[in-house]
PDB file of N, CA and C in Angstrom:
ATOM      1  N   MET A   1      69.357 -81.363 -23.512  1.00  0.00           N
ATOM      2  CA  MET A   1      69.844 -81.611 -24.865  1.00  0.00           C
ATOM      3  C   MET A   1      69.629 -83.062 -25.276  1.00  0.00           C
ATOM      4  N   VAL A   2      69.116 -83.882 -24.400  1.00  0.00           N
ATOM      5  CA  VAL A   2      68.880 -85.281 -24.729  1.00  0.00           C
ATOM      6  C   VAL A   2      67.885 -85.388 -25.871  1.00  0.00           C
ATOM      7  N   GLY A   3      66.832 -84.571 -25.839  1.00  0.00           N
ATOM      8  CA  GLY A   3      65.883 -84.522 -26.930  1.00  0.00           C
ATOM      9  C   GLY A   3      64.810 -85.588 -26.944  1.00  0.00           C
ATOM     10  N   THR A   4      64.742 -86.401 -25.930  1.00  0.00           N
ATOM     11  CA  THR A   4      63.736 -87.455 -25.831  1.00  0.00           C
ATOM     12  C   THR A   4      62.974 -87.276 -24.528  1.00  0.00           C
ATOM     13  N   PRO A   5      61.640 -87.260 -24.583  1.00  0.00           N
ATOM     14  CA  PRO A   5      60.900 -87.142 -23.325  1.00  0.00           C
ATOM     15  C   PRO A   5      61.314 -88.234 -22.337  1.00  0.00           C
ATOM     16  N   GLY A   6      61.675 -87.825 -21.149  1.00  0.00           N
ATOM     17  CA  GLY A   6      62.119 -88.778 -20.130  1.00  0.00           C
ATOM     18  C   GLY A   6      63.574 -89.198 -20.287  1.00  0.00           C
ATOM     19  N   GLY A   7      64.220 -88.741 -21.338  1.00  0.00           N
ATOM     20  CA  GLY A   7      65.610 -89.130 -21.594  1.00  0.00           C
ATOM     21  C   GLY A   7      66.580 -88.645 -20.538  1.00  0.00           C
ATOM     22  N   ALA A   8      66.357 -87.430 -20.046  1.00  0.00           N
ATOM     23  CA  ALA A   8      67.255 -86.898 -19.023  1.00  0.00           C
ATOM     24  C   ALA A   8      67.198 -87.747 -17.758  1.00  0.00           C
ATOM     25  N   GLN A   9      66.011 -88.225 -17.401  1.00  0.00           N
ATOM     26  CA  GLN A   9      65.883 -89.087 -16.224  1.00  0.00           C
ATOM     27  C   GLN A   9      66.590 -90.421 -16.455  1.00  0.00           C
ATOM     28  N   ALA A  10      66.516 -90.941 -17.675  1.00  0.00           N
ATOM     29  CA  ALA A  10      67.210 -92.197 -17.989  1.00  0.00           C
ATOM     30  C   ALA A  10      68.714 -92.023 -17.887  1.00  0.00           C
ATOM     31  N   VAL A  11      69.210 -90.918 -18.391  1.00  0.00           N
ATOM     32  CA  VAL A  11      70.649 -90.645 -18.302  1.00  0.00           C
ATOM     33  C   VAL A  11      71.050 -90.490 -16.836  1.00  0.00           C
ATOM     34  N   GLY A  12      70.252 -89.762 -16.072  1.00  0.00           N
ATOM     35  CA  GLY A  12      70.549 -89.585 -14.648  1.00  0.00           C
ATOM     36  C   GLY A  12      70.571 -90.897 -13.898  1.00  0.00           C
ATOM     37  N   GLY A  13      69.642 -91.787 -14.208  1.00  0.00           N
ATOM     38  CA  GLY A  13      69.622 -93.103 -13.561  1.00  0.00           C
ATOM     39  C   GLY A  13      70.847 -93.922 -13.893  1.00  0.00           C
ATOM     40  N   ALA A  14      71.259 -93.883 -15.157  1.00  0.00           N
ATOM     41  CA  ALA A  14      72.453 -94.624 -15.570  1.00  0.00           C
ATOM     42  C   ALA A  14      73.704 -94.054 -14.915  1.00  0.00           C
ATOM     43  N   ILE A  15      73.777 -92.752 -14.836  1.00  0.00           N
ATOM     44  CA  ILE A  15      74.933 -92.115 -14.205  1.00  0.00           C
ATOM     45  C   ILE A  15      74.973 -92.440 -12.714  1.00  0.00           C
ATOM     46  N   GLY A  16      73.826 -92.405 -12.076  1.00  0.00           N
ATOM     47  CA  GLY A  16      73.767 -92.709 -10.647  1.00  0.00           C
ATOM     48  C   GLY A  16      74.176 -94.128 -10.321  1.00  0.00           C
ATOM     49  N   ALA A  17      74.009 -95.036 -11.264  1.00  0.00           N
ATOM     50  CA  ALA A  17      74.354 -96.438 -11.050  1.00  0.00           C
ATOM     51  C   ALA A  17      75.779 -96.773 -11.492  1.00  0.00           C
ATOM     52  N   ASN A  18      76.512 -95.798 -11.969  1.00  0.00           N
ATOM     53  CA  ASN A  18      77.852 -95.995 -12.501  1.00  0.00           C
ATOM     54  C   ASN A  18      78.839 -96.336 -11.379  1.00  0.00           C
ATOM     55  N   PRO A  19      79.396 -97.557 -11.350  1.00  0.00           N
ATOM     56  CA  PRO A  19      80.314 -97.941 -10.276  1.00  0.00           C
ATOM     57  C   PRO A  19      81.754 -97.467 -10.494  1.00  0.00           C
ATOM     58  N   VAL A  20      82.095 -97.012 -11.682  1.00  0.00           N
ATOM     59  CA  VAL A  20      83.464 -96.576 -11.981  1.00  0.00           C
ATOM     60  C   VAL A  20      83.406 -95.165 -12.557  1.00  0.00           C
ATOM     61  N   ALA A  21      83.072 -94.234 -11.711  1.00  0.00           N
ATOM     62  CA  ALA A  21      82.742 -92.879 -12.143  1.00  0.00           C
ATOM     63  C   ALA A  21      83.828 -92.207 -12.974  1.00  0.00           C
ATOM     64  N   TYR A  22      85.083 -92.357 -12.616  1.00  0.00           N
ATOM     65  CA  TYR A  22      86.095 -91.627 -13.391  1.00  0.00           C
ATOM     66  C   TYR A  22      86.356 -92.282 -14.741  1.00  0.00           C
ATOM     67  N   LEU A  23      86.276 -93.590 -14.819  1.00  0.00           N
ATOM     68  CA  LEU A  23      86.523 -94.272 -16.085  1.00  0.00           C
ATOM     69  C   LEU A  23      85.412 -94.021 -17.096  1.00  0.00           C
ATOM     70  N   ILE A  24      84.197 -93.872 -16.607  1.00  0.00           N
ATOM     71  CA  ILE A  24      83.069 -93.490 -17.448  1.00  0.00           C
ATOM     72  C   ILE A  24      82.727 -92.077 -17.008  1.00  0.00           C
ATOM     73  N   PRO A  25      83.055 -91.075 -17.807  1.00  0.00           N
ATOM     74  CA  PRO A  25      83.081 -89.687 -17.340  1.00  0.00           C
ATOM     75  C   PRO A  25      81.729 -89.057 -17.042  1.00  0.00           C
ATOM     76  N   CYS A  26      81.000 -89.637 -16.108  1.00  0.00           N
ATOM     77  CA  CYS A  26      79.705 -89.072 -15.732  1.00  0.00           C
ATOM     78  C   CYS A  26      79.875 -87.745 -15.014  1.00  0.00           C
ATOM     79  N   HIS A  27      81.064 -87.447 -14.497  1.00  0.00           N
ATOM     80  CA  HIS A  27      81.288 -86.169 -13.826  1.00  0.00           C
ATOM     81  C   HIS A  27      81.191 -84.994 -14.787  1.00  0.00           C
ATOM     82  N   ARG A  28      81.198 -85.258 -16.078  1.00  0.00           N
ATOM     83  CA  ARG A  28      81.107 -84.183 -17.067  1.00  0.00           C
ATOM     84  C   ARG A  28      79.675 -83.762 -17.362  1.00  0.00           C
ATOM     85  N   VAL A  29      78.707 -84.471 -16.836  1.00  0.00           N
ATOM     86  CA  VAL A  29      77.307 -84.139 -17.077  1.00  0.00           C
ATOM     87  C   VAL A  29      76.919 -82.953 -16.202  1.00  0.00           C
ATOM     88  N   LEU A  30      76.342 -81.945 -16.839  1.00  0.00           N
ATOM     89  CA  LEU A  30      75.892 -80.754 -16.131  1.00  0.00           C
ATOM     90  C   LEU A  30      74.394 -80.588 -16.335  1.00  0.00           C
ATOM     91  N   ARG A  31      73.761 -79.886 -15.416  1.00  0.00           N
ATOM     92  CA  ARG A  31      72.328 -79.610 -15.537  1.00  0.00           C
ATOM     93  C   ARG A  31      72.102 -78.635 -16.689  1.00  0.00           C
ATOM     94  N   SER A  32      70.907 -78.631 -17.228  1.00  0.00           N
ATOM     95  CA  SER A  32      70.589 -77.753 -18.358  1.00  0.00           C
ATOM     96  C   SER A  32      70.739 -76.278 -18.004  1.00  0.00           C
ATOM     97  N   VAL A  33      70.620 -75.936 -16.736  1.00  0.00           N
ATOM     98  CA  VAL A  33      70.778 -74.550 -16.305  1.00  0.00           C
ATOM     99  C   VAL A  33      72.231 -74.225 -15.960  1.00  0.00           C
ATOM    100  N   GLY A  34      73.125 -75.164 -16.190  1.00  0.00           N
ATOM    101  CA  GLY A  34      74.552 -74.946 -15.984  1.00  0.00           C
ATOM    102  C   GLY A  34      75.090 -75.366 -14.636  1.00  0.00           C
ATOM    103  N   GLY A  35      74.228 -75.801 -13.723  1.00  0.00           N
ATOM    104  CA  GLY A  35      74.696 -76.204 -12.398  1.00  0.00           C
ATOM    105  C   GLY A  35      75.263 -77.618 -12.398  1.00  0.00           C
ATOM    106  N   PHE A  36      75.927 -77.962 -11.324  1.00  0.00           N
ATOM    107  CA  PHE A  36      76.537 -79.279 -11.204  1.00  0.00           C
ATOM    108  C   PHE A  36      75.526 -80.375 -10.936  1.00  0.00           C
ATOM    109  N   GLY A  37      74.507 -80.079 -10.176  1.00  0.00           N
ATOM    110  CA  GLY A  37      73.561 -81.128  -9.806  1.00  0.00           C
ATOM    111  C   GLY A  37      74.192 -82.087  -8.815  1.00  0.00           C
ATOM    112  N   GLY A  38      73.549 -83.200  -8.622  1.00  0.00           N
ATOM    113  CA  GLY A  38      74.060 -84.182  -7.675  1.00  0.00           C
ATOM    114  C   GLY A  38      75.212 -84.982  -8.254  1.00  0.00           C
ATOM    115  N   TYR A  39      76.043 -85.505  -7.377  1.00  0.00           N
ATOM    116  CA  TYR A  39      77.149 -86.369  -7.772  1.00  0.00           C
ATOM    117  C   TYR A  39      77.378 -87.324  -6.612  1.00  0.00           C
ATOM    118  N   GLN A  40      77.495 -88.575  -6.920  1.00  0.00           N
ATOM    119  CA  GLN A  40      77.572 -89.604  -5.878  1.00  0.00           C
ATOM    120  C   GLN A  40      78.668 -89.329  -4.852  1.00  0.00           C
ATOM    121  N   TRP A  41      79.786 -88.785  -5.286  1.00  0.00           N
ATOM    122  CA  TRP A  41      80.903 -88.552  -4.376  1.00  0.00           C
ATOM    123  C   TRP A  41      81.041 -87.093  -3.976  1.00  0.00           C
ATOM    124  N   GLY A  42      80.018 -86.289  -4.230  1.00  0.00           N
ATOM    125  CA  GLY A  42      79.976 -84.908  -3.765  1.00  0.00           C
ATOM    126  C   GLY A  42      80.400 -83.885  -4.805  1.00  0.00           C
ATOM    127  N   ALA A  43      79.854 -82.695  -4.648  1.00  0.00           N
ATOM    128  CA  ALA A  43      80.114 -81.604  -5.589  1.00  0.00           C
ATOM    129  C   ALA A  43      81.572 -81.164  -5.563  1.00  0.00           C
ATOM    130  N   ASP A  44      82.219 -81.213  -4.403  1.00  0.00           N
ATOM    131  CA  ASP A  44      83.627 -80.798  -4.324  1.00  0.00           C
ATOM    132  C   ASP A  44      84.516 -81.699  -5.174  1.00  0.00           C
ATOM    133  N   ARG A  45      84.274 -82.995  -5.123  1.00  0.00           N
ATOM    134  CA  ARG A  45      85.076 -83.924  -5.925  1.00  0.00           C
ATOM    135  C   ARG A  45      84.800 -83.735  -7.414  1.00  0.00           C
ATOM    136  N   LYS A  46      83.514 -83.504  -7.747  1.00  0.00           N
ATOM    137  CA  LYS A  46      83.159 -83.281  -9.148  1.00  0.00           C
ATOM    138  C   LYS A  46      83.888 -82.045  -9.671  1.00  0.00           C
ATOM    139  N   MET A  47      83.873 -80.972  -8.898  1.00  0.00           N
ATOM    140  CA  MET A  47      84.557 -79.739  -9.305  1.00  0.00           C
ATOM    141  C   MET A  47      86.054 -79.982  -9.450  1.00  0.00           C
ATOM    142  N   ALA A  48      86.652 -80.701  -8.525  1.00  0.00           N
ATOM    143  CA  ALA A  48      88.088 -80.979  -8.597  1.00  0.00           C
ATOM    144  C   ALA A  48      88.436 -81.772  -9.853  1.00  0.00           C
ATOM    145  N   MET A  49      87.618 -82.752 -10.186  1.00  0.00           N
ATOM    146  CA  MET A  49      87.876 -83.560 -11.381  1.00  0.00           C
ATOM    147  C   MET A  49      87.757 -82.710 -12.647  1.00  0.00           C
ATOM    148  N   LEU A  50      86.740 -81.869 -12.707  1.00  0.00           N
ATOM    149  CA  LEU A  50      86.565 -81.006 -13.878  1.00  0.00           C
ATOM    150  C   LEU A  50      87.706 -79.997 -14.001  1.00  0.00           C
ATOM    151  N   MET A  51      88.127 -79.437 -12.893  1.00  0.00           N
ATOM    152  CA  MET A  51      89.228 -78.455 -12.928  1.00  0.00           C
ATOM    153  C   MET A  51      90.550 -79.127 -13.308  1.00  0.00           C
ATOM    154  N   TRP A  52      90.787 -80.340 -12.817  1.00  0.00           N
ATOM    155  CA  TRP A  52      91.996 -81.071 -13.182  1.00  0.00           C
ATOM    156  C   TRP A  52      92.019 -81.332 -14.686  1.00  0.00           C
ATOM    157  N   GLU A  53      90.878 -81.789 -15.226  1.00  0.00           N
ATOM    158  CA  GLU A  53      90.801 -82.026 -16.666  1.00  0.00           C
ATOM    159  C   GLU A  53      91.007 -80.742 -17.448  1.00  0.00           C
ATOM    160  N   HIS A  54      90.409 -79.658 -16.990  1.00  0.00           N
ATOM    161  CA  HIS A  54      90.560 -78.395 -17.685  1.00  0.00           C
ATOM    162  C   HIS A  54      92.034 -77.953 -17.681  1.00  0.00           C
ATOM    163  N   GLY A  55      92.692 -78.105 -16.559  1.00  0.00           N
ATOM    164  CA  GLY A  55      94.111 -77.747 -16.458  1.00  0.00           C
ATOM    165  C   GLY A  55      94.971 -78.567 -17.406  1.00  0.00           C
ATOM    166  N   ARG A  56      94.677 -79.860 -17.520  1.00  0.00           N
ATOM    167  CA  ARG A  56      95.440 -80.705 -18.438  1.00  0.00           C
ATOM    168  C   ARG A  56      95.174 -80.323 -19.889  1.00  0.00           C
ATOM    169  N   ALA A  57      93.941 -79.949 -20.190  1.00  0.00           N
ATOM    170  CA  ALA A  57      93.576 -79.612 -21.568  1.00  0.00           C
ATOM    171  C   ALA A  57      94.190 -78.275 -22.003  1.00  0.00           C
ATOM    172  N   THR A  58      94.416 -77.368 -21.057  1.00  0.00           N
ATOM    173  CA  THR A  58      94.923 -76.054 -21.408  1.00  0.00           C
ATOM    174  C   THR A  58      96.410 -75.890 -21.094  1.00  0.00           C
ATOM    175  N   ALA A  59      97.061 -76.935 -20.606  1.00  0.00           N
ATOM    176  CA  ALA A  59      98.465 -76.854 -20.209  1.00  0.00           C
ATOM    177  C   ALA A  59      99.415 -76.816 -21.405  1.00  0.00           C
ATOM    178  N   GLY A  60      98.895 -77.025 -22.592  1.00  0.00           N
ATOM    179  CA  GLY A  60      99.702 -76.930 -23.809  1.00  0.00           C
ATOM    180  C   GLY A  60     100.620 -78.021 -23.945  1.00  0.00           C
TER     181      GLY A  60
END
């Protein structure tokens, strides 16, 4: 959805270099096919962060 040739790679590079992952929500980036893709601190942590956010958003 970036819409610029090579843009997805630029976004991936910036996300990979992010030293404060939770403050800058790079964990919300998903692959175009819907998968999680790589995450510096592992897929389990990425899933936990997304599920925690989802729970807070739907807790009313």
